[in-house]
Amino acid sequence: STVLSAGADETLRLWKCFVLDPAK
C-alpha cells in the first residue's frame, strides 16, 4: 500500500499510493 522514497535532499517520504479501495 505504501511507497517509501529516498531523496537527495536527505529526506525519506512515505506515500499511501496503492491502498485497496474499501468497496473493492
PDBML (XML) file of the C-alpha atoms, coordinates in Angstrom:
<?xml version="1.0" encoding="UTF-8" ?>
<PDBx:datablock datablockName="MODEL"
   xmlns:PDBx="http://pdbml.pdb.org/schema/pdbx-v50.xsd"
   xmlns:xsi="http://www.w3.org/2001/XMLSchema-instance"
   xsi:schemaLocation="http://pdbml.pdb.org/schema/pdbx-v50.xsd pdbx-v50.xsd">
   <PDBx:atom_siteCategory>
      <PDBx:atom_site id="1">
         <PDBx:B_iso_or_equiv>0.00</PDBx:B_iso_or_equiv>
         <PDBx:Cartn_x>0.000</PDBx:Cartn_x>
         <PDBx:Cartn_y>0.000</PDBx:Cartn_y>
         <PDBx:Cartn_z>0.000</PDBx:Cartn_z>
         <PDBx:auth_asym_id>A</PDBx:auth_asym_id>
         <PDBx:auth_atom_id>CA</PDBx:auth_atom_id>
         <PDBx:auth_comp_id>SER</PDBx:auth_comp_id>
         <PDBx:auth_seq_id>1</PDBx:auth_seq_id>
         <PDBx:group_PDB>ATOM</PDBx:group_PDB>
         <PDBx:label_alt_id xsi:nil="true" />
         <PDBx:label_asym_id>A</PDBx:label_asym_id>
         <PDBx:label_atom_id>CA</PDBx:label_atom_id>
         <PDBx:label_comp_id>SER</PDBx:label_comp_id>
         <PDBx:label_entity_id>1</PDBx:label_entity_id>
         <PDBx:label_seq_id>1</PDBx:label_seq_id>
         <PDBx:occupancy>1.00</PDBx:occupancy>
         <PDBx:pdbx_PDB_model_num>1</PDBx:pdbx_PDB_model_num>
         <PDBx:type_symbol>C</PDBx:type_symbol>
      </PDBx:atom_site>
      <PDBx:atom_site id="2">
         <PDBx:B_iso_or_equiv>0.00</PDBx:B_iso_or_equiv>
         <PDBx:Cartn_x>2.812</PDBx:Cartn_x>
         <PDBx:Cartn_y>2.434</PDBx:Cartn_y>
         <PDBx:Cartn_z>0.791</PDBx:Cartn_z>
         <PDBx:auth_asym_id>A</PDBx:auth_asym_id>
         <PDBx:auth_atom_id>CA</PDBx:auth_atom_id>
         <PDBx:auth_comp_id>THR</PDBx:auth_comp_id>
         <PDBx:auth_seq_id>2</PDBx:auth_seq_id>
         <PDBx:group_PDB>ATOM</PDBx:group_PDB>
         <PDBx:label_alt_id xsi:nil="true" />
         <PDBx:label_asym_id>A</PDBx:label_asym_id>
         <PDBx:label_atom_id>CA</PDBx:label_atom_id>
         <PDBx:label_comp_id>THR</PDBx:label_comp_id>
         <PDBx:label_entity_id>1</PDBx:label_entity_id>
         <PDBx:label_seq_id>2</PDBx:label_seq_id>
         <PDBx:occupancy>1.00</PDBx:occupancy>
         <PDBx:pdbx_PDB_model_num>1</PDBx:pdbx_PDB_model_num>
         <PDBx:type_symbol>C</PDBx:type_symbol>
      </PDBx:atom_site>
      <PDBx:atom_site id="3">
         <PDBx:B_iso_or_equiv>0.00</PDBx:B_iso_or_equiv>
         <PDBx:Cartn_x>5.843</PDBx:Cartn_x>
         <PDBx:Cartn_y>3.591</PDBx:Cartn_y>
         <PDBx:Cartn_z>-1.189</PDBx:Cartn_z>
         <PDBx:auth_asym_id>A</PDBx:auth_asym_id>
         <PDBx:auth_atom_id>CA</PDBx:auth_atom_id>
         <PDBx:auth_comp_id>VAL</PDBx:auth_comp_id>
         <PDBx:auth_seq_id>3</PDBx:auth_seq_id>
         <PDBx:group_PDB>ATOM</PDBx:group_PDB>
         <PDBx:label_alt_id xsi:nil="true" />
         <PDBx:label_asym_id>A</PDBx:label_asym_id>
         <PDBx:label_atom_id>CA</PDBx:label_atom_id>
         <PDBx:label_comp_id>VAL</PDBx:label_comp_id>
         <PDBx:label_entity_id>1</PDBx:label_entity_id>
         <PDBx:label_seq_id>3</PDBx:label_seq_id>
         <PDBx:occupancy>1.00</PDBx:occupancy>
         <PDBx:pdbx_PDB_model_num>1</PDBx:pdbx_PDB_model_num>
         <PDBx:type_symbol>C</PDBx:type_symbol>
      </PDBx:atom_site>
      <PDBx:atom_site id="4">
         <PDBx:B_iso_or_equiv>0.00</PDBx:B_iso_or_equiv>
         <PDBx:Cartn_x>8.928</PDBx:Cartn_x>
         <PDBx:Cartn_y>4.979</PDBx:Cartn_y>
         <PDBx:Cartn_z>0.529</PDBx:Cartn_z>
         <PDBx:auth_asym_id>A</PDBx:auth_asym_id>
         <PDBx:auth_atom_id>CA</PDBx:auth_atom_id>
         <PDBx:auth_comp_id>LEU</PDBx:auth_comp_id>
         <PDBx:auth_seq_id>4</PDBx:auth_seq_id>
         <PDBx:group_PDB>ATOM</PDBx:group_PDB>
         <PDBx:label_alt_id xsi:nil="true" />
         <PDBx:label_asym_id>A</PDBx:label_asym_id>
         <PDBx:label_atom_id>CA</PDBx:label_atom_id>
         <PDBx:label_comp_id>LEU</PDBx:label_comp_id>
         <PDBx:label_entity_id>1</PDBx:label_entity_id>
         <PDBx:label_seq_id>4</PDBx:label_seq_id>
         <PDBx:occupancy>1.00</PDBx:occupancy>
         <PDBx:pdbx_PDB_model_num>1</PDBx:pdbx_PDB_model_num>
         <PDBx:type_symbol>C</PDBx:type_symbol>
      </PDBx:atom_site>
      <PDBx:atom_site id="5">
         <PDBx:B_iso_or_equiv>0.00</PDBx:B_iso_or_equiv>
         <PDBx:Cartn_x>11.023</PDBx:Cartn_x>
         <PDBx:Cartn_y>7.456</PDBx:Cartn_y>
         <PDBx:Cartn_z>-1.451</PDBx:Cartn_z>
         <PDBx:auth_asym_id>A</PDBx:auth_asym_id>
         <PDBx:auth_atom_id>CA</PDBx:auth_atom_id>
         <PDBx:auth_comp_id>SER</PDBx:auth_comp_id>
         <PDBx:auth_seq_id>5</PDBx:auth_seq_id>
         <PDBx:group_PDB>ATOM</PDBx:group_PDB>
         <PDBx:label_alt_id xsi:nil="true" />
         <PDBx:label_asym_id>A</PDBx:label_asym_id>
         <PDBx:label_atom_id>CA</PDBx:label_atom_id>
         <PDBx:label_comp_id>SER</PDBx:label_comp_id>
         <PDBx:label_entity_id>1</PDBx:label_entity_id>
         <PDBx:label_seq_id>5</PDBx:label_seq_id>
         <PDBx:occupancy>1.00</PDBx:occupancy>
         <PDBx:pdbx_PDB_model_num>1</PDBx:pdbx_PDB_model_num>
         <PDBx:type_symbol>C</PDBx:type_symbol>
      </PDBx:atom_site>
      <PDBx:atom_site id="6">
         <PDBx:B_iso_or_equiv>0.00</PDBx:B_iso_or_equiv>
         <PDBx:Cartn_x>14.553</PDBx:Cartn_x>
         <PDBx:Cartn_y>8.473</PDBx:Cartn_y>
         <PDBx:Cartn_z>-0.531</PDBx:Cartn_z>
         <PDBx:auth_asym_id>A</PDBx:auth_asym_id>
         <PDBx:auth_atom_id>CA</PDBx:auth_atom_id>
         <PDBx:auth_comp_id>ALA</PDBx:auth_comp_id>
         <PDBx:auth_seq_id>6</PDBx:auth_seq_id>
         <PDBx:group_PDB>ATOM</PDBx:group_PDB>
         <PDBx:label_alt_id xsi:nil="true" />
         <PDBx:label_asym_id>A</PDBx:label_asym_id>
         <PDBx:label_atom_id>CA</PDBx:label_atom_id>
         <PDBx:label_comp_id>ALA</PDBx:label_comp_id>
         <PDBx:label_entity_id>1</PDBx:label_entity_id>
         <PDBx:label_seq_id>6</PDBx:label_seq_id>
         <PDBx:occupancy>1.00</PDBx:occupancy>
         <PDBx:pdbx_PDB_model_num>1</PDBx:pdbx_PDB_model_num>
         <PDBx:type_symbol>C</PDBx:type_symbol>
      </PDBx:atom_site>
      <PDBx:atom_site id="7">
         <PDBx:B_iso_or_equiv>0.00</PDBx:B_iso_or_equiv>
         <PDBx:Cartn_x>15.676</PDBx:Cartn_x>
         <PDBx:Cartn_y>11.810</PDBx:Cartn_y>
         <PDBx:Cartn_z>-1.908</PDBx:Cartn_z>
         <PDBx:auth_asym_id>A</PDBx:auth_asym_id>
         <PDBx:auth_atom_id>CA</PDBx:auth_atom_id>
         <PDBx:auth_comp_id>GLY</PDBx:auth_comp_id>
         <PDBx:auth_seq_id>7</PDBx:auth_seq_id>
         <PDBx:group_PDB>ATOM</PDBx:group_PDB>
         <PDBx:label_alt_id xsi:nil="true" />
         <PDBx:label_asym_id>A</PDBx:label_asym_id>
         <PDBx:label_atom_id>CA</PDBx:label_atom_id>
         <PDBx:label_comp_id>GLY</PDBx:label_comp_id>
         <PDBx:label_entity_id>1</PDBx:label_entity_id>
         <PDBx:label_seq_id>7</PDBx:label_seq_id>
         <PDBx:occupancy>1.00</PDBx:occupancy>
         <PDBx:pdbx_PDB_model_num>1</PDBx:pdbx_PDB_model_num>
         <PDBx:type_symbol>C</PDBx:type_symbol>
      </PDBx:atom_site>
      <PDBx:atom_site id="8">
         <PDBx:B_iso_or_equiv>0.00</PDBx:B_iso_or_equiv>
         <PDBx:Cartn_x>18.985</PDBx:Cartn_x>
         <PDBx:Cartn_y>13.557</PDBx:Cartn_y>
         <PDBx:Cartn_z>-2.475</PDBx:Cartn_z>
         <PDBx:auth_asym_id>A</PDBx:auth_asym_id>
         <PDBx:auth_atom_id>CA</PDBx:auth_atom_id>
         <PDBx:auth_comp_id>ALA</PDBx:auth_comp_id>
         <PDBx:auth_seq_id>8</PDBx:auth_seq_id>
         <PDBx:group_PDB>ATOM</PDBx:group_PDB>
         <PDBx:label_alt_id xsi:nil="true" />
         <PDBx:label_asym_id>A</PDBx:label_asym_id>
         <PDBx:label_atom_id>CA</PDBx:label_atom_id>
         <PDBx:label_comp_id>ALA</PDBx:label_comp_id>
         <PDBx:label_entity_id>1</PDBx:label_entity_id>
         <PDBx:label_seq_id>8</PDBx:label_seq_id>
         <PDBx:occupancy>1.00</PDBx:occupancy>
         <PDBx:pdbx_PDB_model_num>1</PDBx:pdbx_PDB_model_num>
         <PDBx:type_symbol>C</PDBx:type_symbol>
      </PDBx:atom_site>
      <PDBx:atom_site id="9">
         <PDBx:B_iso_or_equiv>0.00</PDBx:B_iso_or_equiv>
         <PDBx:Cartn_x>17.546</PDBx:Cartn_x>
         <PDBx:Cartn_y>16.215</PDBx:Cartn_y>
         <PDBx:Cartn_z>-0.140</PDBx:Cartn_z>
         <PDBx:auth_asym_id>A</PDBx:auth_asym_id>
         <PDBx:auth_atom_id>CA</PDBx:auth_atom_id>
         <PDBx:auth_comp_id>ASP</PDBx:auth_comp_id>
         <PDBx:auth_seq_id>9</PDBx:auth_seq_id>
         <PDBx:group_PDB>ATOM</PDBx:group_PDB>
         <PDBx:label_alt_id xsi:nil="true" />
         <PDBx:label_asym_id>A</PDBx:label_asym_id>
         <PDBx:label_atom_id>CA</PDBx:label_atom_id>
         <PDBx:label_comp_id>ASP</PDBx:label_comp_id>
         <PDBx:label_entity_id>1</PDBx:label_entity_id>
         <PDBx:label_seq_id>9</PDBx:label_seq_id>
         <PDBx:occupancy>1.00</PDBx:occupancy>
         <PDBx:pdbx_PDB_model_num>1</PDBx:pdbx_PDB_model_num>
         <PDBx:type_symbol>C</PDBx:type_symbol>
      </PDBx:atom_site>
      <PDBx:atom_site id="10">
         <PDBx:B_iso_or_equiv>0.00</PDBx:B_iso_or_equiv>
         <PDBx:Cartn_x>18.273</PDBx:Cartn_x>
         <PDBx:Cartn_y>13.679</PDBx:Cartn_y>
         <PDBx:Cartn_z>2.644</PDBx:Cartn_z>
         <PDBx:auth_asym_id>A</PDBx:auth_asym_id>
         <PDBx:auth_atom_id>CA</PDBx:auth_atom_id>
         <PDBx:auth_comp_id>GLU</PDBx:auth_comp_id>
         <PDBx:auth_seq_id>10</PDBx:auth_seq_id>
         <PDBx:group_PDB>ATOM</PDBx:group_PDB>
         <PDBx:label_alt_id xsi:nil="true" />
         <PDBx:label_asym_id>A</PDBx:label_asym_id>
         <PDBx:label_atom_id>CA</PDBx:label_atom_id>
         <PDBx:label_comp_id>GLU</PDBx:label_comp_id>
         <PDBx:label_entity_id>1</PDBx:label_entity_id>
         <PDBx:label_seq_id>10</PDBx:label_seq_id>
         <PDBx:occupancy>1.00</PDBx:occupancy>
         <PDBx:pdbx_PDB_model_num>1</PDBx:pdbx_PDB_model_num>
         <PDBx:type_symbol>C</PDBx:type_symbol>
      </PDBx:atom_site>
      <PDBx:atom_site id="11">
         <PDBx:B_iso_or_equiv>0.00</PDBx:B_iso_or_equiv>
         <PDBx:Cartn_x>14.596</PDBx:Cartn_x>
         <PDBx:Cartn_y>13.003</PDBx:Cartn_y>
         <PDBx:Cartn_z>3.358</PDBx:Cartn_z>
         <PDBx:auth_asym_id>A</PDBx:auth_asym_id>
         <PDBx:auth_atom_id>CA</PDBx:auth_atom_id>
         <PDBx:auth_comp_id>THR</PDBx:auth_comp_id>
         <PDBx:auth_seq_id>11</PDBx:auth_seq_id>
         <PDBx:group_PDB>ATOM</PDBx:group_PDB>
         <PDBx:label_alt_id xsi:nil="true" />
         <PDBx:label_asym_id>A</PDBx:label_asym_id>
         <PDBx:label_atom_id>CA</PDBx:label_atom_id>
         <PDBx:label_comp_id>THR</PDBx:label_comp_id>
         <PDBx:label_entity_id>1</PDBx:label_entity_id>
         <PDBx:label_seq_id>11</PDBx:label_seq_id>
         <PDBx:occupancy>1.00</PDBx:occupancy>
         <PDBx:pdbx_PDB_model_num>1</PDBx:pdbx_PDB_model_num>
         <PDBx:type_symbol>C</PDBx:type_symbol>
      </PDBx:atom_site>
      <PDBx:atom_site id="12">
         <PDBx:B_iso_or_equiv>0.00</PDBx:B_iso_or_equiv>
         <PDBx:Cartn_x>12.550</PDBx:Cartn_x>
         <PDBx:Cartn_y>9.823</PDBx:Cartn_y>
         <PDBx:Cartn_z>3.402</PDBx:Cartn_z>
         <PDBx:auth_asym_id>A</PDBx:auth_asym_id>
         <PDBx:auth_atom_id>CA</PDBx:auth_atom_id>
         <PDBx:auth_comp_id>LEU</PDBx:auth_comp_id>
         <PDBx:auth_seq_id>12</PDBx:auth_seq_id>
         <PDBx:group_PDB>ATOM</PDBx:group_PDB>
         <PDBx:label_alt_id xsi:nil="true" />
         <PDBx:label_asym_id>A</PDBx:label_asym_id>
         <PDBx:label_atom_id>CA</PDBx:label_atom_id>
         <PDBx:label_comp_id>LEU</PDBx:label_comp_id>
         <PDBx:label_entity_id>1</PDBx:label_entity_id>
         <PDBx:label_seq_id>12</PDBx:label_seq_id>
         <PDBx:occupancy>1.00</PDBx:occupancy>
         <PDBx:pdbx_PDB_model_num>1</PDBx:pdbx_PDB_model_num>
         <PDBx:type_symbol>C</PDBx:type_symbol>
      </PDBx:atom_site>
      <PDBx:atom_site id="13">
         <PDBx:B_iso_or_equiv>0.00</PDBx:B_iso_or_equiv>
         <PDBx:Cartn_x>8.911</PDBx:Cartn_x>
         <PDBx:Cartn_y>10.221</PDBx:Cartn_y>
         <PDBx:Cartn_z>2.460</PDBx:Cartn_z>
         <PDBx:auth_asym_id>A</PDBx:auth_asym_id>
         <PDBx:auth_atom_id>CA</PDBx:auth_atom_id>
         <PDBx:auth_comp_id>ARG</PDBx:auth_comp_id>
         <PDBx:auth_seq_id>13</PDBx:auth_seq_id>
         <PDBx:group_PDB>ATOM</PDBx:group_PDB>
         <PDBx:label_alt_id xsi:nil="true" />
         <PDBx:label_asym_id>A</PDBx:label_asym_id>
         <PDBx:label_atom_id>CA</PDBx:label_atom_id>
         <PDBx:label_comp_id>ARG</PDBx:label_comp_id>
         <PDBx:label_entity_id>1</PDBx:label_entity_id>
         <PDBx:label_seq_id>13</PDBx:label_seq_id>
         <PDBx:occupancy>1.00</PDBx:occupancy>
         <PDBx:pdbx_PDB_model_num>1</PDBx:pdbx_PDB_model_num>
         <PDBx:type_symbol>C</PDBx:type_symbol>
      </PDBx:atom_site>
      <PDBx:atom_site id="14">
         <PDBx:B_iso_or_equiv>0.00</PDBx:B_iso_or_equiv>
         <PDBx:Cartn_x>6.050</PDBx:Cartn_x>
         <PDBx:Cartn_y>7.747</PDBx:Cartn_y>
         <PDBx:Cartn_z>2.829</PDBx:Cartn_z>
         <PDBx:auth_asym_id>A</PDBx:auth_asym_id>
         <PDBx:auth_atom_id>CA</PDBx:auth_atom_id>
         <PDBx:auth_comp_id>LEU</PDBx:auth_comp_id>
         <PDBx:auth_seq_id>14</PDBx:auth_seq_id>
         <PDBx:group_PDB>ATOM</PDBx:group_PDB>
         <PDBx:label_alt_id xsi:nil="true" />
         <PDBx:label_asym_id>A</PDBx:label_asym_id>
         <PDBx:label_atom_id>CA</PDBx:label_atom_id>
         <PDBx:label_comp_id>LEU</PDBx:label_comp_id>
         <PDBx:label_entity_id>1</PDBx:label_entity_id>
         <PDBx:label_seq_id>14</PDBx:label_seq_id>
         <PDBx:occupancy>1.00</PDBx:occupancy>
         <PDBx:pdbx_PDB_model_num>1</PDBx:pdbx_PDB_model_num>
         <PDBx:type_symbol>C</PDBx:type_symbol>
      </PDBx:atom_site>
      <PDBx:atom_site id="15">
         <PDBx:B_iso_or_equiv>0.00</PDBx:B_iso_or_equiv>
         <PDBx:Cartn_x>3.265</PDBx:Cartn_x>
         <PDBx:Cartn_y>7.830</PDBx:Cartn_y>
         <PDBx:Cartn_z>0.255</PDBx:Cartn_z>
         <PDBx:auth_asym_id>A</PDBx:auth_asym_id>
         <PDBx:auth_atom_id>CA</PDBx:auth_atom_id>
         <PDBx:auth_comp_id>TRP</PDBx:auth_comp_id>
         <PDBx:auth_seq_id>15</PDBx:auth_seq_id>
         <PDBx:group_PDB>ATOM</PDBx:group_PDB>
         <PDBx:label_alt_id xsi:nil="true" />
         <PDBx:label_asym_id>A</PDBx:label_asym_id>
         <PDBx:label_atom_id>CA</PDBx:label_atom_id>
         <PDBx:label_comp_id>TRP</PDBx:label_comp_id>
         <PDBx:label_entity_id>1</PDBx:label_entity_id>
         <PDBx:label_seq_id>15</PDBx:label_seq_id>
         <PDBx:occupancy>1.00</PDBx:occupancy>
         <PDBx:pdbx_PDB_model_num>1</PDBx:pdbx_PDB_model_num>
         <PDBx:type_symbol>C</PDBx:type_symbol>
      </PDBx:atom_site>
      <PDBx:atom_site id="16">
         <PDBx:B_iso_or_equiv>0.00</PDBx:B_iso_or_equiv>
         <PDBx:Cartn_x>-0.035</PDBx:Cartn_x>
         <PDBx:Cartn_y>5.923</PDBx:Cartn_y>
         <PDBx:Cartn_z>0.594</PDBx:Cartn_z>
         <PDBx:auth_asym_id>A</PDBx:auth_asym_id>
         <PDBx:auth_atom_id>CA</PDBx:auth_atom_id>
         <PDBx:auth_comp_id>LYS</PDBx:auth_comp_id>
         <PDBx:auth_seq_id>16</PDBx:auth_seq_id>
         <PDBx:group_PDB>ATOM</PDBx:group_PDB>
         <PDBx:label_alt_id xsi:nil="true" />
         <PDBx:label_asym_id>A</PDBx:label_asym_id>
         <PDBx:label_atom_id>CA</PDBx:label_atom_id>
         <PDBx:label_comp_id>LYS</PDBx:label_comp_id>
         <PDBx:label_entity_id>1</PDBx:label_entity_id>
         <PDBx:label_seq_id>16</PDBx:label_seq_id>
         <PDBx:occupancy>1.00</PDBx:occupancy>
         <PDBx:pdbx_PDB_model_num>1</PDBx:pdbx_PDB_model_num>
         <PDBx:type_symbol>C</PDBx:type_symbol>
      </PDBx:atom_site>
      <PDBx:atom_site id="17">
         <PDBx:B_iso_or_equiv>0.00</PDBx:B_iso_or_equiv>
         <PDBx:Cartn_x>-0.230</PDBx:Cartn_x>
         <PDBx:Cartn_y>5.153</PDBx:Cartn_y>
         <PDBx:Cartn_z>-3.122</PDBx:Cartn_z>
         <PDBx:auth_asym_id>A</PDBx:auth_asym_id>
         <PDBx:auth_atom_id>CA</PDBx:auth_atom_id>
         <PDBx:auth_comp_id>CYS</PDBx:auth_comp_id>
         <PDBx:auth_seq_id>17</PDBx:auth_seq_id>
         <PDBx:group_PDB>ATOM</PDBx:group_PDB>
         <PDBx:label_alt_id xsi:nil="true" />
         <PDBx:label_asym_id>A</PDBx:label_asym_id>
         <PDBx:label_atom_id>CA</PDBx:label_atom_id>
         <PDBx:label_comp_id>CYS</PDBx:label_comp_id>
         <PDBx:label_entity_id>1</PDBx:label_entity_id>
         <PDBx:label_seq_id>17</PDBx:label_seq_id>
         <PDBx:occupancy>1.00</PDBx:occupancy>
         <PDBx:pdbx_PDB_model_num>1</PDBx:pdbx_PDB_model_num>
         <PDBx:type_symbol>C</PDBx:type_symbol>
      </PDBx:atom_site>
      <PDBx:atom_site id="18">
         <PDBx:B_iso_or_equiv>0.00</PDBx:B_iso_or_equiv>
         <PDBx:Cartn_x>-1.810</PDBx:Cartn_x>
         <PDBx:Cartn_y>1.761</PDBx:Cartn_y>
         <PDBx:Cartn_z>-3.542</PDBx:Cartn_z>
         <PDBx:auth_asym_id>A</PDBx:auth_asym_id>
         <PDBx:auth_atom_id>CA</PDBx:auth_atom_id>
         <PDBx:auth_comp_id>PHE</PDBx:auth_comp_id>
         <PDBx:auth_seq_id>18</PDBx:auth_seq_id>
         <PDBx:group_PDB>ATOM</PDBx:group_PDB>
         <PDBx:label_alt_id xsi:nil="true" />
         <PDBx:label_asym_id>A</PDBx:label_asym_id>
         <PDBx:label_atom_id>CA</PDBx:label_atom_id>
         <PDBx:label_comp_id>PHE</PDBx:label_comp_id>
         <PDBx:label_entity_id>1</PDBx:label_entity_id>
         <PDBx:label_seq_id>18</PDBx:label_seq_id>
         <PDBx:occupancy>1.00</PDBx:occupancy>
         <PDBx:pdbx_PDB_model_num>1</PDBx:pdbx_PDB_model_num>
         <PDBx:type_symbol>C</PDBx:type_symbol>
      </PDBx:atom_site>
      <PDBx:atom_site id="19">
         <PDBx:B_iso_or_equiv>0.00</PDBx:B_iso_or_equiv>
         <PDBx:Cartn_x>-4.300</PDBx:Cartn_x>
         <PDBx:Cartn_y>1.351</PDBx:Cartn_y>
         <PDBx:Cartn_z>-0.686</PDBx:Cartn_z>
         <PDBx:auth_asym_id>A</PDBx:auth_asym_id>
         <PDBx:auth_atom_id>CA</PDBx:auth_atom_id>
         <PDBx:auth_comp_id>VAL</PDBx:auth_comp_id>
         <PDBx:auth_seq_id>19</PDBx:auth_seq_id>
         <PDBx:group_PDB>ATOM</PDBx:group_PDB>
         <PDBx:label_alt_id xsi:nil="true" />
         <PDBx:label_asym_id>A</PDBx:label_asym_id>
         <PDBx:label_atom_id>CA</PDBx:label_atom_id>
         <PDBx:label_comp_id>VAL</PDBx:label_comp_id>
         <PDBx:label_entity_id>1</PDBx:label_entity_id>
         <PDBx:label_seq_id>19</PDBx:label_seq_id>
         <PDBx:occupancy>1.00</PDBx:occupancy>
         <PDBx:pdbx_PDB_model_num>1</PDBx:pdbx_PDB_model_num>
         <PDBx:type_symbol>C</PDBx:type_symbol>
      </PDBx:atom_site>
      <PDBx:atom_site id="20">
         <PDBx:B_iso_or_equiv>0.00</PDBx:B_iso_or_equiv>
         <PDBx:Cartn_x>-7.002</PDBx:Cartn_x>
         <PDBx:Cartn_y>-1.121</PDBx:Cartn_y>
         <PDBx:Cartn_z>-1.639</PDBx:Cartn_z>
         <PDBx:auth_asym_id>A</PDBx:auth_asym_id>
         <PDBx:auth_atom_id>CA</PDBx:auth_atom_id>
         <PDBx:auth_comp_id>LEU</PDBx:auth_comp_id>
         <PDBx:auth_seq_id>20</PDBx:auth_seq_id>
         <PDBx:group_PDB>ATOM</PDBx:group_PDB>
         <PDBx:label_alt_id xsi:nil="true" />
         <PDBx:label_asym_id>A</PDBx:label_asym_id>
         <PDBx:label_atom_id>CA</PDBx:label_atom_id>
         <PDBx:label_comp_id>LEU</PDBx:label_comp_id>
         <PDBx:label_entity_id>1</PDBx:label_entity_id>
         <PDBx:label_seq_id>20</PDBx:label_seq_id>
         <PDBx:occupancy>1.00</PDBx:occupancy>
         <PDBx:pdbx_PDB_model_num>1</PDBx:pdbx_PDB_model_num>
         <PDBx:type_symbol>C</PDBx:type_symbol>
      </PDBx:atom_site>
      <PDBx:atom_site id="21">
         <PDBx:B_iso_or_equiv>0.00</PDBx:B_iso_or_equiv>
         <PDBx:Cartn_x>-10.367</PDBx:Cartn_x>
         <PDBx:Cartn_y>0.572</PDBx:Cartn_y>
         <PDBx:Cartn_z>-2.225</PDBx:Cartn_z>
         <PDBx:auth_asym_id>A</PDBx:auth_asym_id>
         <PDBx:auth_atom_id>CA</PDBx:auth_atom_id>
         <PDBx:auth_comp_id>ASP</PDBx:auth_comp_id>
         <PDBx:auth_seq_id>21</PDBx:auth_seq_id>
         <PDBx:group_PDB>ATOM</PDBx:group_PDB>
         <PDBx:label_alt_id xsi:nil="true" />
         <PDBx:label_asym_id>A</PDBx:label_asym_id>
         <PDBx:label_atom_id>CA</PDBx:label_atom_id>
         <PDBx:label_comp_id>ASP</PDBx:label_comp_id>
         <PDBx:label_entity_id>1</PDBx:label_entity_id>
         <PDBx:label_seq_id>21</PDBx:label_seq_id>
         <PDBx:occupancy>1.00</PDBx:occupancy>
         <PDBx:pdbx_PDB_model_num>1</PDBx:pdbx_PDB_model_num>
         <PDBx:type_symbol>C</PDBx:type_symbol>
      </PDBx:atom_site>
      <PDBx:atom_site id="22">
         <PDBx:B_iso_or_equiv>0.00</PDBx:B_iso_or_equiv>
         <PDBx:Cartn_x>-12.641</PDBx:Cartn_x>
         <PDBx:Cartn_y>-0.433</PDBx:Cartn_y>
         <PDBx:Cartn_z>0.737</PDBx:Cartn_z>
         <PDBx:auth_asym_id>A</PDBx:auth_asym_id>
         <PDBx:auth_atom_id>CA</PDBx:auth_atom_id>
         <PDBx:auth_comp_id>PRO</PDBx:auth_comp_id>
         <PDBx:auth_seq_id>22</PDBx:auth_seq_id>
         <PDBx:group_PDB>ATOM</PDBx:group_PDB>
         <PDBx:label_alt_id xsi:nil="true" />
         <PDBx:label_asym_id>A</PDBx:label_asym_id>
         <PDBx:label_atom_id>CA</PDBx:label_atom_id>
         <PDBx:label_comp_id>PRO</PDBx:label_comp_id>
         <PDBx:label_entity_id>1</PDBx:label_entity_id>
         <PDBx:label_seq_id>22</PDBx:label_seq_id>
         <PDBx:occupancy>1.00</PDBx:occupancy>
         <PDBx:pdbx_PDB_model_num>1</PDBx:pdbx_PDB_model_num>
         <PDBx:type_symbol>C</PDBx:type_symbol>
      </PDBx:atom_site>
      <PDBx:atom_site id="23">
         <PDBx:B_iso_or_equiv>0.00</PDBx:B_iso_or_equiv>
         <PDBx:Cartn_x>-15.602</PDBx:Cartn_x>
         <PDBx:Cartn_y>-1.067</PDBx:Cartn_y>
         <PDBx:Cartn_z>-1.611</PDBx:Cartn_z>
         <PDBx:auth_asym_id>A</PDBx:auth_asym_id>
         <PDBx:auth_atom_id>CA</PDBx:auth_atom_id>
         <PDBx:auth_comp_id>ALA</PDBx:auth_comp_id>
         <PDBx:auth_seq_id>23</PDBx:auth_seq_id>
         <PDBx:group_PDB>ATOM</PDBx:group_PDB>
         <PDBx:label_alt_id xsi:nil="true" />
         <PDBx:label_asym_id>A</PDBx:label_asym_id>
         <PDBx:label_atom_id>CA</PDBx:label_atom_id>
         <PDBx:label_comp_id>ALA</PDBx:label_comp_id>
         <PDBx:label_entity_id>1</PDBx:label_entity_id>
         <PDBx:label_seq_id>23</PDBx:label_seq_id>
         <PDBx:occupancy>1.00</PDBx:occupancy>
         <PDBx:pdbx_PDB_model_num>1</PDBx:pdbx_PDB_model_num>
         <PDBx:type_symbol>C</PDBx:type_symbol>
      </PDBx:atom_site>
      <PDBx:atom_site id="24">
         <PDBx:B_iso_or_equiv>0.00</PDBx:B_iso_or_equiv>
         <PDBx:Cartn_x>-13.466</PDBx:Cartn_x>
         <PDBx:Cartn_y>-3.373</PDBx:Cartn_y>
         <PDBx:Cartn_z>-3.746</PDBx:Cartn_z>
         <PDBx:auth_asym_id>A</PDBx:auth_asym_id>
         <PDBx:auth_atom_id>CA</PDBx:auth_atom_id>
         <PDBx:auth_comp_id>LYS</PDBx:auth_comp_id>
         <PDBx:auth_seq_id>24</PDBx:auth_seq_id>
         <PDBx:group_PDB>ATOM</PDBx:group_PDB>
         <PDBx:label_alt_id xsi:nil="true" />
         <PDBx:label_asym_id>A</PDBx:label_asym_id>
         <PDBx:label_atom_id>CA</PDBx:label_atom_id>
         <PDBx:label_comp_id>LYS</PDBx:label_comp_id>
         <PDBx:label_entity_id>1</PDBx:label_entity_id>
         <PDBx:label_seq_id>24</PDBx:label_seq_id>
         <PDBx:occupancy>1.00</PDBx:occupancy>
         <PDBx:pdbx_PDB_model_num>1</PDBx:pdbx_PDB_model_num>
         <PDBx:type_symbol>C</PDBx:type_symbol>
      </PDBx:atom_site>
   </PDBx:atom_siteCategory>
</PDBx:datablock>
